[in-house]
């Protein structure tokens, strides 16, 4: 009888632990500083190539990662819409973007992550940092194009 009680307690403790782990993960994702609608401040952004006329990201919690939806208008007036869903685990996820077809995210700190996007146009390495007050997102990127040329950019976004 004692062994049955001990086993029952063990199962209860494990169940509570698992519930807390899943709850804290979901809670952490939904309270992530990355979550929100982010609109590019073109005046504060810079690039060695032409800047987009506009760019907005809507970032939502998705499991242990994020779902990101981007809408932009290029310097030439071409509209683009793309999305991806990825965890911060360094693994490659599909992306439907005119520049890249995959993305891999790695969490650097609670308010920053690195992204590597790869596609037929080349590779983009980006570091995104959310400010301490949670109102500004700064993405610093370097593109290595398929032809070997590089483009560097710093895009500044404001939370809406």
N, C-alpha and C. Protein backbone atom coordinates (compact mmCIF):
# COMPACT_ATOMS: atom_id res chain seq x y z
N UNK A 1 0.82 -1.18 0.00
CA UNK A 1 0.00 0.00 0.00
C UNK A 1 0.87 1.26 0.00
N UNK A 2 1.96 1.23 0.77
CA UNK A 2 2.87 2.36 0.83
C UNK A 2 3.47 2.66 -0.54
N UNK A 3 3.83 1.64 -1.28
CA UNK A 3 4.39 1.83 -2.62
C UNK A 3 3.37 2.46 -3.54
N UNK A 4 2.11 2.10 -3.42
CA UNK A 4 1.06 2.68 -4.26
C UNK A 4 0.90 4.17 -3.94
N UNK A 5 0.94 4.54 -2.67
CA UNK A 5 0.84 5.96 -2.28
C UNK A 5 2.05 6.75 -2.81
N UNK A 6 3.24 6.17 -2.67
CA UNK A 6 4.44 6.84 -3.16
C UNK A 6 4.37 7.02 -4.67
N UNK A 7 3.92 6.00 -5.38
CA UNK A 7 3.80 6.10 -6.83
C UNK A 7 2.75 7.15 -7.21
N UNK A 8 1.66 7.17 -6.47
CA UNK A 8 0.59 8.14 -6.72
C UNK A 8 1.10 9.56 -6.50
N UNK A 9 1.87 9.78 -5.43
CA UNK A 9 2.46 11.11 -5.18
C UNK A 9 3.43 11.49 -6.28
N UNK A 10 4.25 10.53 -6.69
CA UNK A 10 5.21 10.78 -7.76
C UNK A 10 4.50 11.21 -9.04
N UNK A 11 3.47 10.48 -9.41
CA UNK A 11 2.70 10.81 -10.62
C UNK A 11 2.07 12.19 -10.48
N UNK A 12 1.56 12.52 -9.31
CA UNK A 12 0.95 13.84 -9.08
C UNK A 12 1.98 14.95 -9.21
N UNK A 13 3.16 14.74 -8.62
CA UNK A 13 4.22 15.75 -8.70
C UNK A 13 4.67 15.94 -10.15
N UNK A 14 4.84 14.86 -10.88
CA UNK A 14 5.24 14.96 -12.29
C UNK A 14 4.16 15.68 -13.09
N UNK A 15 2.91 15.36 -12.86
CA UNK A 15 1.81 16.01 -13.58
C UNK A 15 1.78 17.51 -13.31
N UNK A 16 1.94 17.90 -12.05
CA UNK A 16 1.96 19.32 -11.70
C UNK A 16 3.16 20.00 -12.36
N UNK A 17 4.31 19.34 -12.30
CA UNK A 17 5.51 19.90 -12.93
C UNK A 17 5.35 20.12 -14.42
N UNK A 18 4.79 19.14 -15.10
CA UNK A 18 4.57 19.27 -16.55
C UNK A 18 3.58 20.38 -16.85
N UNK A 19 2.52 20.47 -16.06
CA UNK A 19 1.53 21.53 -16.26
C UNK A 19 2.17 22.89 -16.10
N UNK A 20 2.98 23.06 -15.06
CA UNK A 20 3.67 24.34 -14.86
C UNK A 20 4.64 24.64 -16.00
N UNK A 21 5.35 23.65 -16.47
CA UNK A 21 6.31 23.85 -17.56
C UNK A 21 5.59 24.32 -18.81
N UNK A 22 4.49 23.64 -19.20
CA UNK A 22 3.75 24.04 -20.39
C UNK A 22 3.11 25.39 -20.22
N UNK A 23 2.58 25.68 -19.04
CA UNK A 23 1.94 26.96 -18.78
C UNK A 23 2.96 28.08 -18.83
N UNK A 24 4.13 27.88 -18.22
CA UNK A 24 5.14 28.94 -18.22
C UNK A 24 5.69 29.18 -19.62
N UNK A 25 5.81 28.14 -20.44
CA UNK A 25 6.26 28.32 -21.82
C UNK A 25 5.24 29.14 -22.60
N UNK A 26 3.98 28.79 -22.48
CA UNK A 26 2.93 29.54 -23.19
C UNK A 26 2.86 30.97 -22.67
N UNK A 27 2.99 31.14 -21.35
CA UNK A 27 2.96 32.46 -20.75
C UNK A 27 4.14 33.29 -21.26
N UNK A 28 5.33 32.67 -21.29
CA UNK A 28 6.52 33.38 -21.74
C UNK A 28 6.39 33.81 -23.19
N UNK A 29 5.86 32.93 -24.05
CA UNK A 29 5.71 33.28 -25.47
C UNK A 29 4.73 34.41 -25.65
N UNK A 30 3.61 34.37 -24.91
CA UNK A 30 2.60 35.41 -25.09
C UNK A 30 3.04 36.75 -24.50
N UNK A 31 3.99 36.75 -23.58
CA UNK A 31 4.49 37.99 -22.98
C UNK A 31 5.85 38.38 -23.54
N UNK A 32 6.26 37.77 -24.62
CA UNK A 32 7.54 38.05 -25.23
C UNK A 32 7.60 39.50 -25.71
N UNK A 33 8.75 40.16 -25.56
CA UNK A 33 8.87 41.53 -26.06
C UNK A 33 8.81 41.62 -27.58
N UNK A 34 8.94 40.48 -28.28
CA UNK A 34 8.89 40.49 -29.75
C UNK A 34 7.48 40.63 -30.28
N UNK A 35 6.48 40.28 -29.46
CA UNK A 35 5.09 40.25 -29.87
C UNK A 35 4.55 41.66 -30.07
N UNK A 36 3.78 41.87 -31.15
CA UNK A 36 3.16 43.17 -31.39
C UNK A 36 3.20 43.54 -32.85
N UNK A 37 2.71 44.73 -33.13
CA UNK A 37 2.76 45.29 -34.48
C UNK A 37 3.87 46.33 -34.51
N UNK A 38 4.77 46.18 -35.46
CA UNK A 38 5.96 47.02 -35.56
C UNK A 38 5.99 47.72 -36.91
N UNK A 39 6.00 49.03 -36.91
CA UNK A 39 6.02 49.83 -38.15
C UNK A 39 7.39 50.49 -38.30
N UNK A 40 7.97 50.34 -39.49
CA UNK A 40 9.29 50.91 -39.74
C UNK A 40 9.25 52.44 -39.69
N UNK A 41 10.23 53.02 -39.00
CA UNK A 41 10.45 54.45 -39.03
C UNK A 41 11.53 54.66 -40.08
N UNK A 42 11.10 55.02 -41.28
CA UNK A 42 12.03 55.15 -42.42
C UNK A 42 13.07 56.23 -42.15
N UNK A 43 12.68 57.32 -41.47
CA UNK A 43 13.62 58.41 -41.20
C UNK A 43 14.76 57.98 -40.29
N UNK A 44 14.53 57.02 -39.40
CA UNK A 44 15.57 56.55 -38.48
C UNK A 44 16.32 55.34 -39.02
N UNK A 45 15.86 54.77 -40.11
CA UNK A 45 16.47 53.57 -40.70
C UNK A 45 17.51 53.96 -41.73
N UNK A 46 18.44 53.03 -41.99
CA UNK A 46 19.46 53.30 -43.01
C UNK A 46 19.85 52.00 -43.70
N UNK A 47 20.35 52.14 -44.92
CA UNK A 47 20.74 50.97 -45.70
C UNK A 47 21.72 51.39 -46.78
N UNK A 48 22.60 50.46 -47.17
CA UNK A 48 23.51 50.74 -48.28
C UNK A 48 22.80 50.55 -49.62
N UNK A 49 21.55 50.10 -49.58
CA UNK A 49 20.68 50.02 -50.77
C UNK A 49 19.45 50.88 -50.48
N UNK A 50 18.56 50.97 -51.45
CA UNK A 50 17.36 51.78 -51.27
C UNK A 50 16.49 51.21 -50.15
N UNK A 51 16.00 52.08 -49.28
CA UNK A 51 15.11 51.67 -48.20
C UNK A 51 13.70 51.40 -48.73
N UNK A 52 12.97 50.51 -48.10
CA UNK A 52 11.56 50.35 -48.47
C UNK A 52 10.81 51.66 -48.19
N UNK A 53 9.72 51.88 -48.90
CA UNK A 53 8.88 53.04 -48.62
C UNK A 53 8.13 52.83 -47.30
N UNK A 54 7.78 51.59 -47.04
CA UNK A 54 7.12 51.25 -45.78
C UNK A 54 7.32 49.77 -45.48
N UNK A 55 7.22 49.43 -44.20
CA UNK A 55 7.33 48.03 -43.80
C UNK A 55 6.70 47.86 -42.42
N UNK A 56 5.84 46.86 -42.30
CA UNK A 56 5.18 46.57 -41.04
C UNK A 56 5.26 45.09 -40.76
N UNK A 57 5.60 44.75 -39.52
CA UNK A 57 5.60 43.36 -39.05
C UNK A 57 4.52 43.20 -38.00
N UNK A 58 3.76 42.13 -38.10
CA UNK A 58 2.86 41.72 -37.03
C UNK A 58 3.43 40.42 -36.50
N UNK A 59 3.82 40.42 -35.23
CA UNK A 59 4.46 39.25 -34.62
C UNK A 59 3.53 38.72 -33.53
N UNK A 60 3.22 37.42 -33.64
CA UNK A 60 2.33 36.77 -32.70
C UNK A 60 3.05 35.59 -32.04
N UNK A 61 2.60 35.24 -30.85
CA UNK A 61 3.13 34.04 -30.19
C UNK A 61 2.65 32.82 -30.95
N UNK A 62 3.53 31.85 -31.13
CA UNK A 62 3.19 30.59 -31.81
C UNK A 62 4.00 29.48 -31.17
N UNK A 63 3.38 28.74 -30.27
CA UNK A 63 4.10 27.68 -29.58
C UNK A 63 5.25 28.25 -28.78
N UNK A 64 6.44 27.73 -29.03
CA UNK A 64 7.64 28.23 -28.34
C UNK A 64 8.38 29.27 -29.17
N UNK A 65 7.72 29.76 -30.22
CA UNK A 65 8.36 30.74 -31.09
C UNK A 65 7.40 31.84 -31.47
N UNK A 66 7.50 32.27 -32.73
CA UNK A 66 6.68 33.37 -33.22
C UNK A 66 6.13 33.06 -34.61
N UNK A 67 5.05 33.75 -34.93
CA UNK A 67 4.54 33.82 -36.29
C UNK A 67 4.72 35.27 -36.70
N UNK A 68 5.41 35.49 -37.79
CA UNK A 68 5.71 36.84 -38.25
C UNK A 68 5.07 37.07 -39.62
N UNK A 69 4.34 38.16 -39.74
CA UNK A 69 3.72 38.54 -41.00
C UNK A 69 4.27 39.91 -41.38
N UNK A 70 4.82 40.00 -42.58
CA UNK A 70 5.44 41.23 -43.04
C UNK A 70 4.68 41.76 -44.25
N UNK A 71 4.40 43.04 -44.22
CA UNK A 71 3.85 43.74 -45.39
C UNK A 71 4.75 44.93 -45.66
N UNK A 72 5.19 45.05 -46.91
CA UNK A 72 6.09 46.15 -47.23
C UNK A 72 5.83 46.67 -48.64
N UNK A 73 6.37 47.85 -48.88
CA UNK A 73 6.36 48.45 -50.21
C UNK A 73 7.80 48.85 -50.49
N UNK A 74 8.37 48.28 -51.56
CA UNK A 74 9.78 48.53 -51.90
C UNK A 74 9.97 49.97 -52.37
N UNK A 75 11.22 50.37 -52.52
CA UNK A 75 11.55 51.70 -53.03
C UNK A 75 10.97 51.92 -54.42
N UNK A 76 10.73 50.82 -55.16
CA UNK A 76 10.17 50.90 -56.51
C UNK A 76 8.64 50.80 -56.49
N UNK A 77 8.05 50.74 -55.30
CA UNK A 77 6.59 50.69 -55.19
C UNK A 77 5.99 49.30 -55.28
N UNK A 78 6.82 48.26 -55.21
CA UNK A 78 6.33 46.88 -55.30
C UNK A 78 5.90 46.40 -53.91
N UNK A 79 4.65 45.93 -53.81
CA UNK A 79 4.14 45.42 -52.54
C UNK A 79 4.59 43.98 -52.33
N UNK A 80 4.87 43.65 -51.06
CA UNK A 80 5.26 42.29 -50.71
C UNK A 80 4.55 41.89 -49.42
N UNK A 81 4.11 40.65 -49.38
CA UNK A 81 3.48 40.08 -48.18
C UNK A 81 4.15 38.73 -47.94
N UNK A 82 4.64 38.52 -46.72
CA UNK A 82 5.26 37.23 -46.42
C UNK A 82 4.99 36.86 -44.97
N UNK A 83 5.07 35.55 -44.70
CA UNK A 83 4.86 35.05 -43.35
C UNK A 83 5.82 33.91 -43.07
N UNK A 84 6.06 33.68 -41.79
CA UNK A 84 6.73 32.46 -41.36
C UNK A 84 6.35 32.20 -39.91
N UNK A 85 6.47 30.96 -39.52
CA UNK A 85 6.30 30.56 -38.13
C UNK A 85 7.54 29.73 -37.79
N UNK A 86 8.22 30.13 -36.71
CA UNK A 86 9.47 29.45 -36.34
C UNK A 86 9.70 29.52 -34.85
N UNK A 87 10.36 28.52 -34.33
CA UNK A 87 10.80 28.50 -32.93
C UNK A 87 12.21 29.06 -32.85
N UNK A 88 12.62 29.45 -31.66
CA UNK A 88 13.96 29.98 -31.43
C UNK A 88 14.93 28.85 -31.12
N UNK A 89 15.06 27.89 -32.04
CA UNK A 89 15.85 26.69 -31.79
C UNK A 89 16.98 26.48 -32.80
N UNK A 90 17.19 27.46 -33.69
CA UNK A 90 18.25 27.35 -34.67
C UNK A 90 17.94 26.43 -35.84
N UNK A 91 16.76 25.79 -35.82
CA UNK A 91 16.37 24.90 -36.91
C UNK A 91 15.78 25.71 -38.06
N UNK A 92 15.83 25.14 -39.25
CA UNK A 92 15.35 25.82 -40.45
C UNK A 92 13.85 25.61 -40.62
N UNK A 93 13.15 26.72 -40.89
CA UNK A 93 11.70 26.70 -41.14
C UNK A 93 11.43 27.35 -42.49
N UNK A 94 10.35 26.93 -43.12
CA UNK A 94 9.98 27.50 -44.42
C UNK A 94 9.48 28.93 -44.25
N UNK A 95 9.75 29.72 -45.29
CA UNK A 95 9.34 31.12 -45.30
C UNK A 95 8.90 31.46 -46.72
N UNK A 96 7.83 32.21 -46.86
CA UNK A 96 7.38 32.59 -48.20
C UNK A 96 7.70 34.06 -48.45
N UNK A 97 8.92 34.32 -48.78
CA UNK A 97 9.40 35.68 -48.99
C UNK A 97 10.05 35.73 -50.37
N UNK A 98 9.95 36.90 -51.03
CA UNK A 98 10.53 36.99 -52.38
C UNK A 98 12.05 36.84 -52.36
N UNK A 99 12.67 37.10 -51.23
CA UNK A 99 14.13 37.01 -51.13
C UNK A 99 14.60 35.66 -50.60
N UNK A 100 13.87 35.11 -49.63
CA UNK A 100 14.35 33.89 -48.97
C UNK A 100 13.24 32.87 -48.79
N UNK A 101 13.63 31.61 -48.81
CA UNK A 101 12.65 30.53 -48.67
C UNK A 101 12.75 29.82 -47.33
N UNK A 102 13.81 30.09 -46.56
CA UNK A 102 13.94 29.49 -45.23
C UNK A 102 14.43 30.52 -44.23
N UNK A 103 14.17 30.22 -42.95
CA UNK A 103 14.65 31.08 -41.87
C UNK A 103 14.96 30.20 -40.66
N UNK A 104 15.99 30.58 -39.92
CA UNK A 104 16.36 29.90 -38.67
C UNK A 104 16.55 30.98 -37.61
N UNK A 105 15.86 30.83 -36.46
CA UNK A 105 15.93 31.80 -35.38
C UNK A 105 16.67 31.22 -34.18
N UNK A 106 17.49 32.05 -33.54
CA UNK A 106 18.19 31.67 -32.33
C UNK A 106 18.06 32.80 -31.32
N UNK A 107 17.55 32.48 -30.15
CA UNK A 107 17.39 33.47 -29.09
C UNK A 107 18.77 33.80 -28.52
N UNK A 108 19.08 35.09 -28.45
CA UNK A 108 20.36 35.54 -27.92
C UNK A 108 20.20 35.95 -26.45
N UNK A 109 19.11 36.64 -26.17
CA UNK A 109 18.77 37.08 -24.81
C UNK A 109 17.25 37.23 -24.76
N UNK A 110 16.69 37.55 -23.62
CA UNK A 110 15.23 37.69 -23.56
C UNK A 110 14.67 38.76 -24.50
N UNK A 111 15.51 39.71 -24.93
CA UNK A 111 15.01 40.76 -25.81
C UNK A 111 15.76 40.84 -27.15
N UNK A 112 16.46 39.77 -27.54
CA UNK A 112 17.13 39.79 -28.85
C UNK A 112 17.26 38.39 -29.43
N UNK A 113 17.26 38.35 -30.76
CA UNK A 113 17.45 37.07 -31.45
C UNK A 113 18.18 37.30 -32.76
N UNK A 114 18.77 36.21 -33.25
CA UNK A 114 19.43 36.21 -34.56
C UNK A 114 18.59 35.40 -35.52
N UNK A 115 18.57 35.84 -36.77
CA UNK A 115 17.85 35.14 -37.82
C UNK A 115 18.77 34.96 -39.02
N UNK A 116 18.75 33.77 -39.61
CA UNK A 116 19.48 33.52 -40.85
C UNK A 116 18.45 33.10 -41.88
N UNK A 117 18.34 33.91 -42.94
CA UNK A 117 17.40 33.63 -44.03
C UNK A 117 18.21 33.26 -45.27
N UNK A 118 17.77 32.20 -45.95
CA UNK A 118 18.48 31.73 -47.14
C UNK A 118 17.48 31.53 -48.27
N UNK A 119 17.89 31.93 -49.46
CA UNK A 119 17.05 31.74 -50.64
C UNK A 119 17.84 31.96 -51.91
N UNK A 120 17.14 31.99 -53.02
CA UNK A 120 17.83 32.14 -54.31
C UNK A 120 18.54 33.47 -54.46
N UNK A 121 18.10 34.50 -53.69
CA UNK A 121 18.74 35.80 -53.77
C UNK A 121 20.03 35.87 -52.95
N UNK A 122 20.21 34.93 -52.02
CA UNK A 122 21.40 34.94 -51.18
C UNK A 122 21.06 34.66 -49.74
N UNK A 123 21.92 35.16 -48.84
CA UNK A 123 21.77 34.93 -47.40
C UNK A 123 21.66 36.26 -46.67
N UNK A 124 20.76 36.30 -45.68
CA UNK A 124 20.64 37.48 -44.82
C UNK A 124 20.84 37.04 -43.38
N UNK A 125 21.77 37.70 -42.70
CA UNK A 125 22.01 37.50 -41.27
C UNK A 125 21.50 38.74 -40.54
N UNK A 126 20.56 38.55 -39.64
CA UNK A 126 19.92 39.67 -38.95
C UNK A 126 19.99 39.47 -37.44
N UNK A 127 20.24 40.55 -36.73
CA UNK A 127 20.10 40.56 -35.27
C UNK A 127 19.02 41.58 -34.95
N UNK A 128 18.00 41.13 -34.20
CA UNK A 128 16.89 41.99 -33.81
C UNK A 128 16.93 42.18 -32.31
N UNK A 129 16.84 43.45 -31.88
CA UNK A 129 16.88 43.79 -30.46
C UNK A 129 15.67 44.67 -30.14
N UNK A 130 14.99 44.33 -29.04
CA UNK A 130 13.88 45.15 -28.54
C UNK A 130 14.44 46.02 -27.43
N UNK A 131 14.11 47.31 -27.46
CA UNK A 131 14.61 48.25 -26.45
C UNK A 131 14.09 47.88 -25.06
N UNK A 132 14.76 48.40 -24.03
CA UNK A 132 14.39 48.11 -22.65
C UNK A 132 12.95 48.52 -22.34
N UNK A 133 12.48 49.61 -22.96
CA UNK A 133 11.10 50.05 -22.70
C UNK A 133 10.08 49.33 -23.57
N UNK A 134 10.56 48.45 -24.48
CA UNK A 134 9.66 47.65 -25.32
C UNK A 134 8.99 48.40 -26.45
N UNK A 135 9.42 49.63 -26.73
CA UNK A 135 8.76 50.45 -27.74
C UNK A 135 9.46 50.48 -29.08
N UNK A 136 10.73 50.04 -29.11
CA UNK A 136 11.52 50.11 -30.34
C UNK A 136 12.15 48.77 -30.65
N UNK A 137 12.09 48.39 -31.92
CA UNK A 137 12.71 47.17 -32.43
C UNK A 137 13.75 47.61 -33.45
N UNK A 138 14.99 47.18 -33.26
CA UNK A 138 16.06 47.53 -34.20
C UNK A 138 16.61 46.24 -34.80
N UNK A 139 16.56 46.15 -36.12
CA UNK A 139 17.07 44.98 -36.84
C UNK A 139 18.26 45.41 -37.67
N UNK A 140 19.42 44.81 -37.37
CA UNK A 140 20.64 45.09 -38.11
C UNK A 140 20.93 43.86 -38.96
N UNK A 141 21.09 44.08 -40.26
CA UNK A 141 21.24 42.93 -41.17
C UNK A 141 22.36 43.14 -42.16
N UNK A 142 22.85 42.01 -42.64
CA UNK A 142 23.83 42.01 -43.73
C UNK A 142 23.38 40.96 -44.73
N UNK A 143 23.16 41.40 -45.95
CA UNK A 143 22.83 40.50 -47.05
C UNK A 143 24.09 40.16 -47.81
N UNK A 144 24.23 38.90 -48.13
CA UNK A 144 25.25 38.47 -49.08
C UNK A 144 24.48 37.92 -50.26
N UNK A 145 24.46 38.70 -51.33
CA UNK A 145 23.65 38.35 -52.50
C UNK A 145 24.28 37.21 -53.30
N UNK A 146 23.48 36.59 -54.12
CA UNK A 146 23.92 35.45 -54.92
C UNK A 146 25.13 35.81 -55.79
N UNK A 147 25.22 37.08 -56.20
CA UNK A 147 26.35 37.51 -57.04
C UNK A 147 27.57 37.91 -56.21
N UNK A 148 27.50 37.77 -54.87
CA UNK A 148 28.63 38.07 -54.01
C UNK A 148 28.64 39.48 -53.43
N UNK A 149 27.78 40.35 -53.91
CA UNK A 149 27.73 41.71 -53.36
C UNK A 149 27.06 41.68 -51.97
N UNK A 150 27.35 42.70 -51.18
CA UNK A 150 26.75 42.77 -49.85
C UNK A 150 25.96 44.06 -49.68
N UNK A 151 24.96 43.99 -48.82
CA UNK A 151 24.15 45.14 -48.45
C UNK A 151 24.02 45.10 -46.94
N UNK A 152 24.25 46.24 -46.30
CA UNK A 152 24.06 46.33 -44.86
C UNK A 152 22.90 47.28 -44.58
N UNK A 153 22.17 46.98 -43.51
CA UNK A 153 21.02 47.81 -43.18
C UNK A 153 20.75 47.80 -41.69
N UNK A 154 20.18 48.88 -41.23
CA UNK A 154 19.66 48.98 -39.86
C UNK A 154 18.26 49.55 -39.98
N UNK A 155 17.29 48.72 -39.66
CA UNK A 155 15.89 49.13 -39.73
C UNK A 155 15.39 49.35 -38.31
N UNK A 156 14.76 50.51 -38.09
CA UNK A 156 14.21 50.86 -36.79
C UNK A 156 12.68 50.84 -36.90
N UNK A 157 12.05 50.11 -35.98
CA UNK A 157 10.58 49.97 -35.97
C UNK A 157 10.05 50.50 -34.66
N UNK A 158 8.83 51.02 -34.71
CA UNK A 158 8.16 51.48 -33.51
C UNK A 158 6.93 50.62 -33.27
N UNK A 159 6.71 50.29 -32.01
CA UNK A 159 5.56 49.47 -31.65
C UNK A 159 4.29 50.29 -31.79
N UNK A 160 3.30 49.71 -32.40
CA UNK A 160 2.03 50.40 -32.64
C UNK A 160 1.02 50.09 -31.55
